[in-house]
Amino acid sequence: MNSFFDKVKHLADEHDEKVDQALEKVGDVIDERTGGKYTEHIEKGVAAAQEYTGKNDTQP
């Protein structure tokens, strides 16, 4: 199981910009569906996920 997570982490590192963009879009969809009630929490979650995806983060 450990090698699976290593592969996922490696792919996320290689494609960091695309992963960050996808996370941003997912956050926008969730925010829209919740009517903006949890915008601050969603933005924090997206930022934390983007930080975790790789060393060459495109969005802080």
PDB file of N, CA and C in Angstrom:
ATOM      1  N   MET A   1       0.829  -1.191   0.000  1.00  0.00           N
ATOM      2  CA  MET A   1       0.000   0.000   0.000  1.00  0.00           C
ATOM      3  C   MET A   1       0.873   1.253   0.000  1.00  0.00           C
ATOM      4  N   ASN A   2       1.983   1.195   0.651  1.00  0.00           N
ATOM      5  CA  ASN A   2       2.861   2.357   0.749  1.00  0.00           C
ATOM      6  C   ASN A   2       3.348   2.813  -0.622  1.00  0.00           C
ATOM      7  N   SER A   3       3.643   1.882  -1.526  1.00  0.00           N
ATOM      8  CA  SER A   3       4.137   2.286  -2.841  1.00  0.00           C
ATOM      9  C   SER A   3       3.061   3.017  -3.642  1.00  0.00           C
ATOM     10  N   PHE A   4       1.787   2.685  -3.403  1.00  0.00           N
ATOM     11  CA  PHE A   4       0.697   3.390  -4.075  1.00  0.00           C
ATOM     12  C   PHE A   4       0.717   4.865  -3.708  1.00  0.00           C
ATOM     13  N   PHE A   5       0.842   5.155  -2.413  1.00  0.00           N
ATOM     14  CA  PHE A   5       0.868   6.540  -1.966  1.00  0.00           C
ATOM     15  C   PHE A   5       2.121   7.256  -2.444  1.00  0.00           C
ATOM     16  N   ASP A   6       3.220   6.538  -2.540  1.00  0.00           N
ATOM     17  CA  ASP A   6       4.446   7.125  -3.075  1.00  0.00           C
ATOM     18  C   ASP A   6       4.252   7.522  -4.536  1.00  0.00           C
ATOM     19  N   LYS A   7       3.583   6.680  -5.292  1.00  0.00           N
ATOM     20  CA  LYS A   7       3.319   6.976  -6.701  1.00  0.00           C
ATOM     21  C   LYS A   7       2.400   8.185  -6.848  1.00  0.00           C
ATOM     22  N   VAL A   8       1.369   8.233  -6.014  1.00  0.00           N
ATOM     23  CA  VAL A   8       0.436   9.365  -6.062  1.00  0.00           C
ATOM     24  C   VAL A   8       1.165  10.658  -5.721  1.00  0.00           C
ATOM     25  N   LYS A   9       1.987  10.626  -4.680  1.00  0.00           N
ATOM     26  CA  LYS A   9       2.752  11.811  -4.276  1.00  0.00           C
ATOM     27  C   LYS A   9       3.691  12.240  -5.403  1.00  0.00           C
ATOM     28  N   HIS A  10       4.333  11.275  -6.039  1.00  0.00           N
ATOM     29  CA  HIS A  10       5.252  11.582  -7.144  1.00  0.00           C
ATOM     30  C   HIS A  10       4.496  12.244  -8.308  1.00  0.00           C
ATOM     31  N   LEU A  11       3.339  11.708  -8.652  1.00  0.00           N
ATOM     32  CA  LEU A  11       2.541  12.297  -9.734  1.00  0.00           C
ATOM     33  C   LEU A  11       2.069  13.700  -9.371  1.00  0.00           C
ATOM     34  N   ALA A  12       1.668  13.888  -8.125  1.00  0.00           N
ATOM     35  CA  ALA A  12       1.235  15.216  -7.686  1.00  0.00           C
ATOM     36  C   ALA A  12       2.392  16.205  -7.760  1.00  0.00           C
ATOM     37  N   ASP A  13       3.597  15.759  -7.424  1.00  0.00           N
ATOM     38  CA  ASP A  13       4.769  16.626  -7.513  1.00  0.00           C
ATOM     39  C   ASP A  13       5.071  16.989  -8.966  1.00  0.00           C
ATOM     40  N   GLU A  14       4.956  16.014  -9.852  1.00  0.00           N
ATOM     41  CA  GLU A  14       5.252  16.248 -11.269  1.00  0.00           C
ATOM     42  C   GLU A  14       4.251  17.206 -11.917  1.00  0.00           C
ATOM     43  N   HIS A  15       3.022  17.127 -11.497  1.00  0.00           N
ATOM     44  CA  HIS A  15       1.950  17.902 -12.129  1.00  0.00           C
ATOM     45  C   HIS A  15       1.325  18.874 -11.138  1.00  0.00           C
ATOM     46  N   ASP A  16       2.154  19.495 -10.358  1.00  0.00           N
ATOM     47  CA  ASP A  16       1.710  20.362  -9.273  1.00  0.00           C
ATOM     48  C   ASP A  16       0.777  21.474  -9.739  1.00  0.00           C
ATOM     49  N   GLU A  17       1.102  22.114 -10.825  1.00  0.00           N
ATOM     50  CA  GLU A  17       0.283  23.232 -11.306  1.00  0.00           C
ATOM     51  C   GLU A  17      -1.132  22.768 -11.651  1.00  0.00           C
ATOM     52  N   LYS A  18      -1.228  21.642 -12.346  1.00  0.00           N
ATOM     53  CA  LYS A  18      -2.546  21.122 -12.722  1.00  0.00           C
ATOM     54  C   LYS A  18      -3.335  20.676 -11.497  1.00  0.00           C
ATOM     55  N   VAL A  19      -2.660  20.052 -10.545  1.00  0.00           N
ATOM     56  CA  VAL A  19      -3.326  19.615  -9.318  1.00  0.00           C
ATOM     57  C   VAL A  19      -3.845  20.828  -8.555  1.00  0.00           C
ATOM     58  N   ASP A  20      -3.026  21.875  -8.445  1.00  0.00           N
ATOM     59  CA  ASP A  20      -3.442  23.091  -7.745  1.00  0.00           C
ATOM     60  C   ASP A  20      -4.657  23.723  -8.423  1.00  0.00           C
ATOM     61  N   GLN A  21      -4.663  23.748  -9.739  1.00  0.00           N
ATOM     62  CA  GLN A  21      -5.798  24.311 -10.469  1.00  0.00           C
ATOM     63  C   GLN A  21      -7.059  23.488 -10.240  1.00  0.00           C
ATOM     64  N   ALA A  22      -6.916  22.170 -10.239  1.00  0.00           N
ATOM     65  CA  ALA A  22      -8.064  21.292 -10.012  1.00  0.00           C
ATOM     66  C   ALA A  22      -8.616  21.488  -8.603  1.00  0.00           C
ATOM     67  N   LEU A  23      -7.734  21.603  -7.626  1.00  0.00           N
ATOM     68  CA  LEU A  23      -8.176  21.837  -6.252  1.00  0.00           C
ATOM     69  C   LEU A  23      -8.939  23.151  -6.137  1.00  0.00           C
ATOM     70  N   GLU A  24      -8.461  24.166  -6.837  1.00  0.00           N
ATOM     71  CA  GLU A  24      -9.127  25.473  -6.830  1.00  0.00           C
ATOM     72  C   GLU A  24     -10.537  25.356  -7.414  1.00  0.00           C
ATOM     73  N   LYS A  25     -10.669  24.616  -8.522  1.00  0.00           N
ATOM     74  CA  LYS A  25     -11.978  24.437  -9.147  1.00  0.00           C
ATOM     75  C   LYS A  25     -12.926  23.666  -8.239  1.00  0.00           C
ATOM     76  N   VAL A  26     -12.414  22.629  -7.594  1.00  0.00           N
ATOM     77  CA  VAL A  26     -13.235  21.848  -6.670  1.00  0.00           C
ATOM     78  C   VAL A  26     -13.709  22.733  -5.519  1.00  0.00           C
ATOM     79  N   GLY A  27     -12.810  23.543  -4.993  1.00  0.00           N
ATOM     80  CA  GLY A  27     -13.180  24.470  -3.925  1.00  0.00           C
ATOM     81  C   GLY A  27     -14.264  25.434  -4.366  1.00  0.00           C
ATOM     82  N   ASP A  28     -14.160  25.927  -5.594  1.00  0.00           N
ATOM     83  CA  ASP A  28     -15.175  26.845  -6.125  1.00  0.00           C
ATOM     84  C   ASP A  28     -16.539  26.165  -6.239  1.00  0.00           C
ATOM     85  N   VAL A  29     -16.548  24.921  -6.694  1.00  0.00           N
ATOM     86  CA  VAL A  29     -17.809  24.183  -6.837  1.00  0.00           C
ATOM     87  C   VAL A  29     -18.439  23.949  -5.464  1.00  0.00           C
ATOM     88  N   ILE A  30     -17.635  23.527  -4.513  1.00  0.00           N
ATOM     89  CA  ILE A  30     -18.152  23.296  -3.162  1.00  0.00           C
ATOM     90  C   ILE A  30     -18.687  24.591  -2.570  1.00  0.00           C
ATOM     91  N   ASP A  31     -17.953  25.672  -2.756  1.00  0.00           N
ATOM     92  CA  ASP A  31     -18.387  26.970  -2.231  1.00  0.00           C
ATOM     93  C   ASP A  31     -19.720  27.381  -2.853  1.00  0.00           C
ATOM     94  N   GLU A  32     -19.842  27.163  -4.144  1.00  0.00           N
ATOM     95  CA  GLU A  32     -21.085  27.512  -4.836  1.00  0.00           C
ATOM     96  C   GLU A  32     -22.249  26.670  -4.319  1.00  0.00           C
ATOM     97  N   ARG A  33     -22.013  25.380  -4.144  1.00  0.00           N
ATOM     98  CA  ARG A  33     -23.087  24.479  -3.702  1.00  0.00           C
ATOM     99  C   ARG A  33     -23.503  24.725  -2.253  1.00  0.00           C
ATOM    100  N   THR A  34     -22.615  25.277  -1.466  1.00  0.00           N
ATOM    101  CA  THR A  34     -22.967  25.574  -0.070  1.00  0.00           C
ATOM    102  C   THR A  34     -23.441  27.018   0.079  1.00  0.00           C
ATOM    103  N   GLY A  35     -23.594  27.691  -1.032  1.00  0.00           N
ATOM    104  CA  GLY A  35     -24.116  29.055  -1.000  1.00  0.00           C
ATOM    105  C   GLY A  35     -23.171  30.058  -0.367  1.00  0.00           C
ATOM    106  N   GLY A  36     -21.892  29.758  -0.361  1.00  0.00           N
ATOM    107  CA  GLY A  36     -20.902  30.681   0.182  1.00  0.00           C
ATOM    108  C   GLY A  36     -20.868  30.724   1.706  1.00  0.00           C
ATOM    109  N   LYS A  37     -21.587  29.810   2.354  1.00  0.00           N
ATOM    110  CA  LYS A  37     -21.647  29.813   3.817  1.00  0.00           C
ATOM    111  C   LYS A  37     -20.318  29.439   4.468  1.00  0.00           C
ATOM    112  N   TYR A  38     -19.496  28.678   3.759  1.00  0.00           N
ATOM    113  CA  TYR A  38     -18.259  28.161   4.345  1.00  0.00           C
ATOM    114  C   TYR A  38     -17.024  28.574   3.546  1.00  0.00           C
ATOM    115  N   THR A  39     -17.110  29.710   2.887  1.00  0.00           N
ATOM    116  CA  THR A  39     -16.033  30.166   2.006  1.00  0.00           C
ATOM    117  C   THR A  39     -14.678  30.164   2.700  1.00  0.00           C
ATOM    118  N   GLU A  40     -14.622  30.723   3.877  1.00  0.00           N
ATOM    119  CA  GLU A  40     -13.339  30.825   4.593  1.00  0.00           C
ATOM    120  C   GLU A  40     -12.758  29.439   4.871  1.00  0.00           C
ATOM    121  N   HIS A  41     -13.589  28.512   5.291  1.00  0.00           N
ATOM    122  CA  HIS A  41     -13.120  27.160   5.597  1.00  0.00           C
ATOM    123  C   HIS A  41     -12.676  26.430   4.332  1.00  0.00           C
ATOM    124  N   ILE A  42     -13.424  26.612   3.270  1.00  0.00           N
ATOM    125  CA  ILE A  42     -13.093  25.972   1.996  1.00  0.00           C
ATOM    126  C   ILE A  42     -11.764  26.503   1.477  1.00  0.00           C
ATOM    127  N   GLU A  43     -11.568  27.819   1.540  1.00  0.00           N
ATOM    128  CA  GLU A  43     -10.315  28.412   1.069  1.00  0.00           C
ATOM    129  C   GLU A  43      -9.121  27.901   1.877  1.00  0.00           C
ATOM    130  N   LYS A  44      -9.298  27.757   3.187  1.00  0.00           N
ATOM    131  CA  LYS A  44      -8.218  27.221   4.021  1.00  0.00           C
ATOM    132  C   LYS A  44      -7.907  25.778   3.648  1.00  0.00           C
ATOM    133  N   GLY A  45      -8.949  25.001   3.409  1.00  0.00           N
ATOM    134  CA  GLY A  45      -8.762  23.604   3.028  1.00  0.00           C
ATOM    135  C   GLY A  45      -8.068  23.466   1.685  1.00  0.00           C
ATOM    136  N   VAL A  46      -8.474  24.278   0.729  1.00  0.00           N
ATOM    137  CA  VAL A  46      -7.850  24.255  -0.595  1.00  0.00           C
ATOM    138  C   VAL A  46      -6.380  24.664  -0.487  1.00  0.00           C
ATOM    139  N   ALA A  47      -6.107  25.707   0.273  1.00  0.00           N
ATOM    140  CA  ALA A  47      -4.723  26.168   0.433  1.00  0.00           C
ATOM    141  C   ALA A  47      -3.866  25.092   1.091  1.00  0.00           C
ATOM    142  N   ALA A  48      -4.401  24.418   2.099  1.00  0.00           N
ATOM    143  CA  ALA A  48      -3.650  23.355   2.772  1.00  0.00           C
ATOM    144  C   ALA A  48      -3.390  22.198   1.813  1.00  0.00           C
ATOM    145  N   ALA A  49      -4.381  21.834   1.020  1.00  0.00           N
ATOM    146  CA  ALA A  49      -4.208  20.750   0.053  1.00  0.00           C
ATOM    147  C   ALA A  49      -3.191  21.134  -1.010  1.00  0.00           C
ATOM    148  N   GLN A  50      -3.225  22.376  -1.476  1.00  0.00           N
ATOM    149  CA  GLN A  50      -2.270  22.837  -2.479  1.00  0.00           C
ATOM    150  C   GLN A  50      -0.857  22.832  -1.920  1.00  0.00           C
ATOM    151  N   GLU A  51      -0.714  23.190  -0.672  1.00  0.00           N
ATOM    152  CA  GLU A  51       0.597  23.191  -0.039  1.00  0.00           C
ATOM    153  C   GLU A  51       1.164  21.785   0.039  1.00  0.00           C
ATOM    154  N   TYR A  52       0.310  20.818   0.252  1.00  0.00           N
ATOM    155  CA  TYR A  52       0.729  19.434   0.422  1.00  0.00           C
ATOM    156  C   TYR A  52       1.079  18.754  -0.893  1.00  0.00           C
ATOM    157  N   THR A  53       0.590  19.276  -2.020  1.00  0.00           N
ATOM    158  CA  THR A  53       0.726  18.559  -3.290  1.00  0.00           C
ATOM    159  C   THR A  53       2.113  18.593  -3.888  1.00  0.00           C
ATOM    160  N   GLY A  54       2.957  19.502  -3.496  1.00  0.00           N
ATOM    161  CA  GLY A  54       4.282  19.479  -4.088  1.00  0.00           C
ATOM    162  C   GLY A  54       5.151  20.636  -3.695  1.00  0.00           C
ATOM    163  N   LYS A  55       6.401  20.466  -4.010  1.00  0.00           N
ATOM    164  CA  LYS A  55       7.392  21.471  -3.625  1.00  0.00           C
ATOM    165  C   LYS A  55       7.407  22.671  -4.573  1.00  0.00           C
ATOM    166  N   ASN A  56       6.814  22.555  -5.749  1.00  0.00           N
ATOM    167  CA  ASN A  56       6.812  23.662  -6.719  1.00  0.00           C
ATOM    168  C   ASN A  56       5.445  24.296  -6.792  1.00  0.00           C
ATOM    169  N   ASP A  57       4.837  24.551  -5.630  1.00  0.00           N
ATOM    170  CA  ASP A  57       3.489  25.084  -5.607  1.00  0.00           C
ATOM    171  C   ASP A  57       3.373  26.352  -6.422  1.00  0.00           C
ATOM    172  N   THR A  58       2.277  26.419  -7.181  1.00  0.00           N
ATOM    173  CA  THR A  58       2.046  27.582  -8.030  1.00  0.00           C
ATOM    174  C   THR A  58       1.174  28.600  -7.321  1.00  0.00           C
ATOM    175  N   GLN A  59       0.406  28.153  -6.321  1.00  0.00           N
ATOM    176  CA  GLN A  59      -0.495  29.046  -5.616  1.00  0.00           C
ATOM    177  C   GLN A  59      -0.280  28.876  -4.126  1.00  0.00           C
ATOM    178  N   PRO A  60       0.025  29.956  -3.430  1.00  0.00           N
ATOM    179  CA  PRO A  60       0.259  29.835  -1.983  1.00  0.00           C
ATOM    180  C   PRO A  60      -1.024  29.544  -1.218  1.00  0.00           C
TER     181      PRO A  60
END
